[in-house]
């Protein structure tokens, strides 16, 4: 896996170094926005004084607030997938006087390139995507073999066209306000009196990315018996899964297992994940957040691949099978057997967690 690049090794052309104000059209998914922080870091390396504003969906605002490289978030008024050309034109014109010298468009859709065009931003950078010539004037043609990682594709947009793909780059790293932790623990009736395993068993993309509930429950059972506590985290859509995991535990074990799915805002989820001694997750947005918080992290891959969107951290164990149909990148298992996930046994995950936590856990927060 690529490593963090030393901050003083990158060289940039003078014309890029002088850009003072950039608008980034951000991705919709939380995991993708997390990886976009590598781009923000590279832009700050290019010019430490640059102002980076991000146009993004409102549900990612609390995530971006933990990225010190970003000056402000501009809420995207349209839902994911909506064209709304009139609204895009109006927003673009409202931004025309903001003095942006460059726009970097991360989504590959045609509609995502309209706003910087209507804002008359002089340099408009992005991958070709849905044939956006004219809307973009710094168009890159993607060679997926040269840029296998999503984060490499984002990082490349901070560099001049034709630059070799980065093999080392700065990892995402979120900053949280630990002064708010006591109030947050009180709000959710939580304590840090035991080592903490956070389990993120959901996956917004679809069931083909979700490890079976009874496997998660077996891991939770073993850790609770070993003196740990478990917090189950995710969105409201994950409640059925997290309820099932908790209900599979014995009554006395449930006292040490807390279901927080759907109860927290994204900002609260980030602060709670920062409390963890270890995290177990499917390939999901929360997985990328845990990596950016530098938490020991075990990740289960089924229908997707760490060759494209790995967790960017030095303390990660990736657990996957090598069956012939994986990765398929489908939302539902095309063969209906889910072998890529069912063949991954709980003992493999427990061994991976033990290796990540080879040193004794000391509760000193």
Protein backbone atom coordinates (compact mmCIF):
# COMPACT_ATOMS: atom_id res chain seq x y z
CA UNK A 1 0.00 0.00 0.00
CA UNK A 2 1.30 3.51 -0.76
CA UNK A 3 2.81 5.35 2.16
CA UNK A 4 2.64 8.92 3.35
CA UNK A 5 4.82 11.22 1.27
CA UNK A 6 7.17 13.56 3.15
CA UNK A 7 5.75 17.06 2.87
CA UNK A 8 8.93 18.60 1.46
CA UNK A 9 9.48 16.18 -1.44
CA UNK A 10 6.78 17.36 -3.84
CA UNK A 11 7.63 19.84 -6.59
CA UNK A 12 4.98 21.93 -8.34
CA UNK A 13 5.13 24.38 -11.30
CA UNK A 14 5.18 28.04 -10.37
CA UNK A 15 1.84 28.74 -12.07
CA UNK A 16 0.12 26.19 -9.84
CA UNK A 17 1.88 27.42 -6.72
CA UNK A 18 0.47 30.90 -7.23
CA UNK A 19 -3.19 29.84 -7.29
CA UNK A 20 -4.77 31.34 -4.19
CA UNK A 21 -8.41 30.21 -4.26
CA UNK A 22 -9.83 26.85 -5.37
CA UNK A 23 -13.35 25.45 -5.54
CA UNK A 24 -13.53 21.65 -5.29
CA UNK A 25 -16.70 19.94 -6.51
CA UNK A 26 -16.86 17.13 -3.98
CA UNK A 27 -18.11 13.55 -4.31
CA UNK A 28 -21.42 12.46 -2.80
CA UNK A 29 -20.29 9.36 -0.90
CA UNK A 30 -18.74 9.69 2.55
CA UNK A 31 -15.90 7.28 1.75
CA UNK A 32 -15.02 9.17 -1.42
CA UNK A 33 -15.10 12.49 0.42
CA UNK A 34 -12.77 11.00 3.00
CA UNK A 35 -10.28 10.06 0.27
CA UNK A 36 -10.62 13.55 -1.21
CA UNK A 37 -8.73 14.87 1.80
CA UNK A 38 -5.54 13.59 0.20
CA UNK A 39 -6.20 16.06 -2.64
CA UNK A 40 -6.77 18.87 -0.13
CA UNK A 41 -3.47 18.06 1.57
CA UNK A 42 -1.62 18.09 -1.76
CA UNK A 43 -3.15 21.45 -2.66
CA UNK A 44 -1.86 22.81 0.66
CA UNK A 45 1.56 21.37 -0.13
CA UNK A 46 1.39 23.12 -3.50
CA UNK A 47 0.60 26.45 -1.83
CA UNK A 48 0.24 26.58 1.98
CA UNK A 49 -1.72 29.86 1.68
CA UNK A 50 -4.36 28.54 -0.72
CA UNK A 51 -8.03 28.81 0.25
CA UNK A 52 -9.95 25.61 -0.50
CA UNK A 53 -13.75 25.73 -0.58
CA UNK A 54 -15.71 22.53 -1.17
CA UNK A 55 -19.12 22.29 -2.83
CA UNK A 56 -20.68 19.22 -1.23
CA UNK A 57 -23.87 17.54 -0.10
CA UNK A 58 -25.05 18.72 3.30
CA UNK A 59 -24.65 15.25 4.85
CA UNK A 60 -20.86 15.45 4.39
CA UNK A 61 -20.53 18.88 6.04
CA UNK A 62 -19.68 17.49 9.49
CA UNK A 63 -17.02 15.25 7.96
CA UNK A 64 -15.37 18.11 6.08
CA UNK A 65 -15.44 20.18 9.29
CA UNK A 66 -12.82 17.77 10.64
CA UNK A 67 -10.47 18.54 7.73
CA UNK A 68 -8.35 21.58 8.64
CA UNK A 69 -7.31 22.11 5.01
CA UNK A 70 -10.82 23.24 4.00
CA UNK A 71 -11.83 26.87 4.43
CA UNK A 72 -15.60 26.48 3.99
CA UNK A 73 -18.29 24.12 2.73
CA UNK A 74 -20.83 25.33 0.18
CA UNK A 75 -23.98 23.22 0.32
CA UNK A 76 -25.03 21.60 -2.92
CA UNK A 77 -28.75 22.49 -3.23
CA UNK A 78 -29.59 19.46 -5.40
CA UNK A 79 -29.90 15.85 -4.33
CA UNK A 80 -27.55 13.18 -5.64
CA UNK A 81 -28.34 12.35 -9.27
CA UNK A 82 -30.56 15.36 -10.02
CA UNK A 83 -29.71 17.50 -13.06
CA UNK A 84 -31.45 20.76 -12.05
CA UNK A 85 -29.68 22.76 -14.75
CA UNK A 86 -31.39 26.00 -13.76
CA UNK A 87 -30.32 25.64 -10.12
CA UNK A 88 -26.77 24.81 -11.21
CA UNK A 89 -26.67 27.89 -13.44
CA UNK A 90 -27.96 30.09 -10.62
CA UNK A 91 -25.43 28.72 -8.13
CA UNK A 92 -22.60 29.06 -10.62
CA UNK A 93 -23.47 32.69 -11.34
CA UNK A 94 -23.69 33.41 -7.60
CA UNK A 95 -20.12 32.12 -7.24
CA UNK A 96 -18.76 34.09 -10.20
CA UNK A 97 -17.64 37.01 -8.02
CA UNK A 98 -15.88 34.79 -5.46
CA UNK A 99 -12.51 34.99 -7.16
CA UNK A 100 -11.86 31.28 -7.68
CA UNK A 101 -8.84 30.72 -9.90
CA UNK A 102 -9.27 26.96 -10.25
CA UNK A 103 -12.09 24.44 -9.94
CA UNK A 104 -11.34 20.76 -9.43
CA UNK A 105 -14.26 18.49 -10.28
CA UNK A 106 -14.06 15.11 -8.55
CA UNK A 107 -17.25 13.39 -9.79
CA UNK A 108 -17.08 12.15 -13.38
CA UNK A 109 -20.64 13.13 -14.30
CA UNK A 110 -21.52 15.73 -16.91
CA UNK A 111 -23.77 17.65 -14.52
CA UNK A 112 -21.00 18.10 -11.92
CA UNK A 113 -18.99 20.26 -14.35
CA UNK A 114 -21.74 22.82 -15.00
CA UNK A 115 -21.37 24.94 -11.84
CA UNK A 116 -17.67 25.90 -12.29
CA UNK A 117 -18.41 26.61 -15.97
CA UNK A 118 -21.29 28.93 -15.09
CA UNK A 119 -19.07 30.52 -12.40
CA UNK A 120 -16.52 31.36 -15.13
CA UNK A 121 -13.65 29.90 -13.14
CA UNK A 122 -10.58 30.23 -15.41
CA UNK A 123 -8.97 26.80 -14.81
CA UNK A 124 -11.42 23.88 -14.62
CA UNK A 125 -9.72 20.57 -13.92
CA UNK A 126 -11.14 17.05 -13.97
CA UNK A 127 -11.13 13.64 -15.58
CA UNK A 128 -12.87 13.41 -18.95
CA UNK A 129 -15.79 11.42 -17.51
CA UNK A 130 -18.97 11.93 -19.52
CA UNK A 131 -17.25 13.86 -22.34
CA UNK A 132 -17.08 17.23 -20.63
CA UNK A 133 -14.96 19.05 -23.20
CA UNK A 134 -15.78 22.75 -23.07
CA UNK A 135 -17.12 22.57 -19.55
CA UNK A 136 -13.63 21.57 -18.40
CA UNK A 137 -10.55 23.12 -19.97
CA UNK A 138 -7.94 21.03 -18.12
CA UNK A 139 -9.25 17.60 -19.12
CA UNK A 140 -7.44 14.44 -18.05
CA UNK A 141 -7.97 11.05 -19.73
CA UNK A 142 -8.03 8.26 -17.16
CA UNK A 143 -5.96 5.12 -17.61
CA UNK A 144 -7.38 2.87 -14.90
CA UNK A 145 -4.34 0.59 -14.97
CA UNK A 146 -2.00 3.51 -14.24
CA UNK A 147 -4.34 4.87 -11.56
CA UNK A 148 -5.80 1.77 -9.85
CA UNK A 149 -6.59 3.58 -6.60
CA UNK A 150 -9.39 6.11 -6.31
CA UNK A 151 -7.17 8.24 -4.09
CA UNK A 152 -4.50 8.32 -6.82
CA UNK A 153 -7.09 9.66 -9.24
CA UNK A 154 -8.03 12.43 -6.84
CA UNK A 155 -4.39 13.22 -6.03
CA UNK A 156 -3.50 13.52 -9.72
CA UNK A 157 -5.81 16.52 -10.08
CA UNK A 158 -3.51 18.58 -7.83
CA UNK A 159 -0.67 17.98 -10.28
CA UNK A 160 0.02 19.11 -13.85
CA UNK A 161 -1.37 17.02 -16.70
CA UNK A 162 1.04 14.24 -17.64
CA UNK A 163 2.59 13.85 -14.19
CA UNK A 164 3.34 10.24 -13.27
CA UNK A 165 0.83 8.73 -10.79
CA UNK A 166 1.87 9.25 -7.19
CA UNK A 167 3.00 6.09 -5.43
CA UNK A 168 3.32 7.90 -2.10
CA UNK A 169 0.95 10.55 -0.84
CA UNK A 170 -0.41 12.02 2.39
CA UNK A 171 -3.10 9.92 4.04
CA UNK A 172 -6.38 11.46 5.23
CA UNK A 173 -6.30 12.47 8.90
CA UNK A 174 -9.30 13.88 10.73
CA UNK A 175 -9.13 16.24 13.70
CA UNK A 176 -11.73 15.92 16.46
CA UNK A 177 -12.47 18.14 19.43
CA UNK A 178 -11.87 15.91 22.46
CA UNK A 179 -13.23 18.57 24.82
CA UNK A 180 -16.72 17.54 23.69
CA UNK A 181 -16.16 13.89 24.54
CA UNK A 182 -17.51 13.92 28.14
CA UNK A 183 -20.80 15.51 27.05
CA UNK A 184 -21.09 13.05 24.16
CA UNK A 185 -20.52 10.02 26.39
CA UNK A 186 -23.12 11.34 28.81
CA UNK A 187 -25.63 11.93 26.01
CA UNK A 188 -25.46 8.28 24.90
CA UNK A 189 -24.96 6.81 28.41
CA UNK A 190 -21.55 5.40 27.48
CA UNK A 191 -18.40 4.80 29.53
CA UNK A 192 -14.81 4.04 28.68
CA UNK A 193 -14.25 1.64 31.57
CA UNK A 194 -13.46 -1.29 29.25
CA UNK A 195 -11.38 -1.57 26.07
CA UNK A 196 -13.61 -0.61 23.18
CA UNK A 197 -14.27 -2.44 19.91
CA UNK A 198 -16.45 -0.48 17.49
CA UNK A 199 -18.23 -2.59 14.88
CA UNK A 200 -19.56 -0.98 11.69
CA UNK A 201 -21.63 -3.77 10.11
CA UNK A 202 -23.49 -1.79 7.47
CA UNK A 203 -22.63 -0.87 3.89
CA UNK A 204 -24.65 1.79 2.09
CA UNK A 205 -23.79 0.32 -1.32
CA UNK A 206 -25.67 -2.95 -0.78
CA UNK A 207 -25.85 -6.37 0.92
CA UNK A 208 -23.05 -7.84 -1.23
CA UNK A 209 -20.63 -5.83 0.96
CA UNK A 210 -22.06 -6.94 4.33
CA UNK A 211 -20.58 -9.74 6.40
CA UNK A 212 -23.31 -11.92 8.02
CA UNK A 213 -24.79 -10.65 11.29
CA UNK A 214 -24.17 -13.89 13.19
CA UNK A 215 -20.46 -13.67 12.34
CA UNK A 216 -20.28 -10.14 13.75
CA UNK A 217 -22.15 -11.39 16.83
CA UNK A 218 -19.61 -14.17 17.35
CA UNK A 219 -16.75 -11.65 17.28
CA UNK A 220 -18.64 -9.39 19.71
CA UNK A 221 -19.29 -12.37 22.00
CA UNK A 222 -15.61 -13.34 22.13
CA UNK A 223 -14.42 -9.78 22.77
CA UNK A 224 -17.00 -9.14 25.51
CA UNK A 225 -16.02 -12.40 27.22
CA UNK A 226 -12.41 -11.16 27.07
CA UNK A 227 -13.34 -8.00 28.99
CA UNK A 228 -14.12 -5.63 26.13
CA UNK A 229 -17.21 -3.60 25.30
CA UNK A 230 -18.73 -3.24 21.83
CA UNK A 231 -20.42 -0.25 20.19
CA UNK A 232 -22.42 -0.93 17.02
CA UNK A 233 -22.40 2.04 14.66
CA UNK A 234 -24.01 2.97 11.37
CA UNK A 235 -26.91 4.86 9.86
CA UNK A 236 -30.60 4.37 10.56
CA UNK A 237 -30.67 2.01 7.57
CA UNK A 238 -28.35 -0.32 9.49
CA UNK A 239 -30.64 -0.66 12.50
CA UNK A 240 -32.06 -4.00 11.42
CA UNK A 241 -28.53 -5.39 11.14
CA UNK A 242 -27.26 -3.94 14.42
CA UNK A 243 -30.38 -5.03 16.29
CA UNK A 244 -29.88 -8.56 14.97
CA UNK A 245 -26.25 -8.61 16.14
CA UNK A 246 -27.12 -7.44 19.65
CA UNK A 247 -30.07 -9.84 19.92
CA UNK A 248 -27.78 -12.78 19.13
CA UNK A 249 -25.76 -12.11 22.29
CA UNK A 250 -26.54 -13.54 25.72
CA UNK A 251 -28.48 -11.29 28.09
CA UNK A 252 -25.45 -10.61 30.30
CA UNK A 253 -23.34 -9.73 27.24
CA UNK A 254 -25.83 -7.16 26.00
CA UNK A 255 -24.94 -4.98 29.01
CA UNK A 256 -21.59 -4.40 27.27
CA UNK A 257 -22.96 -3.97 23.73
CA UNK A 258 -24.48 -0.64 22.71
CA UNK A 259 -26.44 -0.12 19.51
CA UNK A 260 -25.83 3.45 18.28
CA UNK A 261 -26.85 2.98 14.65
CA UNK A 262 -29.09 5.82 13.52
CA UNK A 263 -28.79 7.60 16.88
CA UNK A 264 -25.81 9.81 16.10
CA UNK A 265 -25.09 12.55 13.65
CA UNK A 266 -22.09 12.00 11.39
CA UNK A 267 -20.06 14.41 13.51
CA UNK A 268 -20.96 12.50 16.68
CA UNK A 269 -20.09 9.21 14.99
CA UNK A 270 -16.65 10.56 14.11
CA UNK A 271 -16.03 11.66 17.72
CA UNK A 272 -17.20 8.30 19.08
CA UNK A 273 -15.02 6.32 16.66
CA UNK A 274 -12.11 8.39 17.98
CA UNK A 275 -12.71 6.66 21.35
CA UNK A 276 -12.10 3.17 19.96
CA UNK A 277 -9.25 0.82 20.78
CA UNK A 278 -10.04 -1.11 17.60
CA UNK A 279 -12.59 -1.03 14.78
CA UNK A 280 -14.11 -3.85 12.72
CA UNK A 281 -15.91 -2.81 9.55
CA UNK A 282 -17.17 -3.76 6.15
CA UNK A 283 -15.92 -1.67 3.22
CA UNK A 284 -17.89 1.49 4.06
CA UNK A 285 -17.67 5.20 4.70
CA UNK A 286 -17.16 4.61 8.43
CA UNK A 287 -14.25 2.34 7.57
CA UNK A 288 -12.49 5.24 5.82
CA UNK A 289 -13.24 7.48 8.81
CA UNK A 290 -11.72 4.95 11.25
CA UNK A 291 -8.60 4.77 9.07
CA UNK A 292 -8.31 8.57 9.05
CA UNK A 293 -8.53 8.52 12.85
CA UNK A 294 -5.57 6.08 12.88
CA UNK A 295 -7.51 3.38 14.71
CA UNK A 296 -6.37 -0.27 14.55
CA UNK A 297 -8.76 -1.44 11.86
CA UNK A 298 -9.86 -4.84 10.56
CA UNK A 299 -11.77 -4.59 7.27
CA UNK A 300 -13.82 -7.27 5.54
CA UNK A 301 -13.97 -7.14 1.74
CA UNK A 302 -16.47 -9.19 -0.24
CA UNK A 303 -17.86 -7.83 -3.49
CA UNK A 304 -15.40 -4.93 -3.59
CA UNK A 305 -11.62 -4.78 -3.64
CA UNK A 306 -8.89 -3.14 -1.57
CA UNK A 307 -7.07 -2.72 -4.87
CA UNK A 308 -9.36 0.25 -5.60
CA UNK A 309 -10.49 1.82 -2.31
CA UNK A 310 -8.28 0.55 0.53
CA UNK A 311 -8.37 2.07 4.00
CA UNK A 312 -5.49 4.55 4.08
CA UNK A 313 -3.76 3.81 7.35
CA UNK A 314 -0.64 2.07 8.62
CA UNK A 315 -2.62 -0.01 11.14
CA UNK A 316 -4.96 -2.09 8.98
CA UNK A 317 -5.71 -5.76 8.47
CA UNK A 318 -7.60 -6.52 5.26
CA UNK A 319 -9.57 -9.77 5.30
CA UNK A 320 -10.91 -11.20 2.04
CA UNK A 321 -11.28 -14.41 0.06
CA UNK A 322 -9.85 -15.18 -3.35
CA UNK A 323 -12.82 -16.97 -4.90
CA UNK A 324 -13.12 -16.66 -8.67
CA UNK A 325 -16.18 -14.38 -8.76
CA UNK A 326 -14.81 -11.81 -6.30
CA UNK A 327 -14.67 -8.87 -6.58
CA UNK A 328 -17.85 -8.47 -8.65
CA UNK A 329 -18.62 -4.88 -7.51
CA UNK A 330 -22.35 -5.68 -7.51
CA UNK A 331 -24.86 -4.47 -4.91
CA UNK A 332 -26.49 -7.93 -4.74
CA UNK A 333 -24.62 -11.21 -5.09
CA UNK A 334 -25.16 -12.25 -8.76
CA UNK A 335 -24.86 -15.94 -7.81
CA UNK A 336 -26.91 -15.57 -4.61
CA UNK A 337 -24.41 -17.61 -2.57
CA UNK A 338 -22.45 -14.74 -0.93
CA UNK A 339 -19.45 -17.09 -0.66
CA UNK A 340 -16.97 -14.20 -0.69
CA UNK A 341 -18.35 -13.21 2.73
CA UNK A 342 -19.72 -16.47 4.11
CA UNK A 343 -16.34 -18.16 3.62
CA UNK A 344 -14.69 -15.60 5.90
CA UNK A 345 -14.91 -17.08 9.38
CA UNK A 346 -15.09 -15.14 12.67
CA UNK A 347 -11.88 -16.76 13.92
CA UNK A 348 -10.01 -15.15 11.00
CA UNK A 349 -11.25 -11.74 12.10
CA UNK A 350 -10.38 -12.40 15.75
CA UNK A 351 -6.84 -13.43 14.76
CA UNK A 352 -6.53 -10.25 12.67
CA UNK A 353 -7.69 -8.10 15.59
CA UNK A 354 -5.25 -9.85 17.95
CA UNK A 355 -2.37 -9.12 15.58
CA UNK A 356 -3.38 -5.47 15.36
CA UNK A 357 -3.54 -5.33 19.14
CA UNK A 358 -0.39 -7.28 19.90
CA UNK A 359 0.49 -4.73 22.55
CA UNK A 360 -1.69 -4.73 25.69
CA UNK A 361 -4.54 -2.23 25.66
CA UNK A 362 -4.22 0.51 28.28
CA UNK A 363 -7.28 2.68 28.90
CA UNK A 364 -5.74 6.13 29.29
CA UNK A 365 -7.81 8.59 27.35
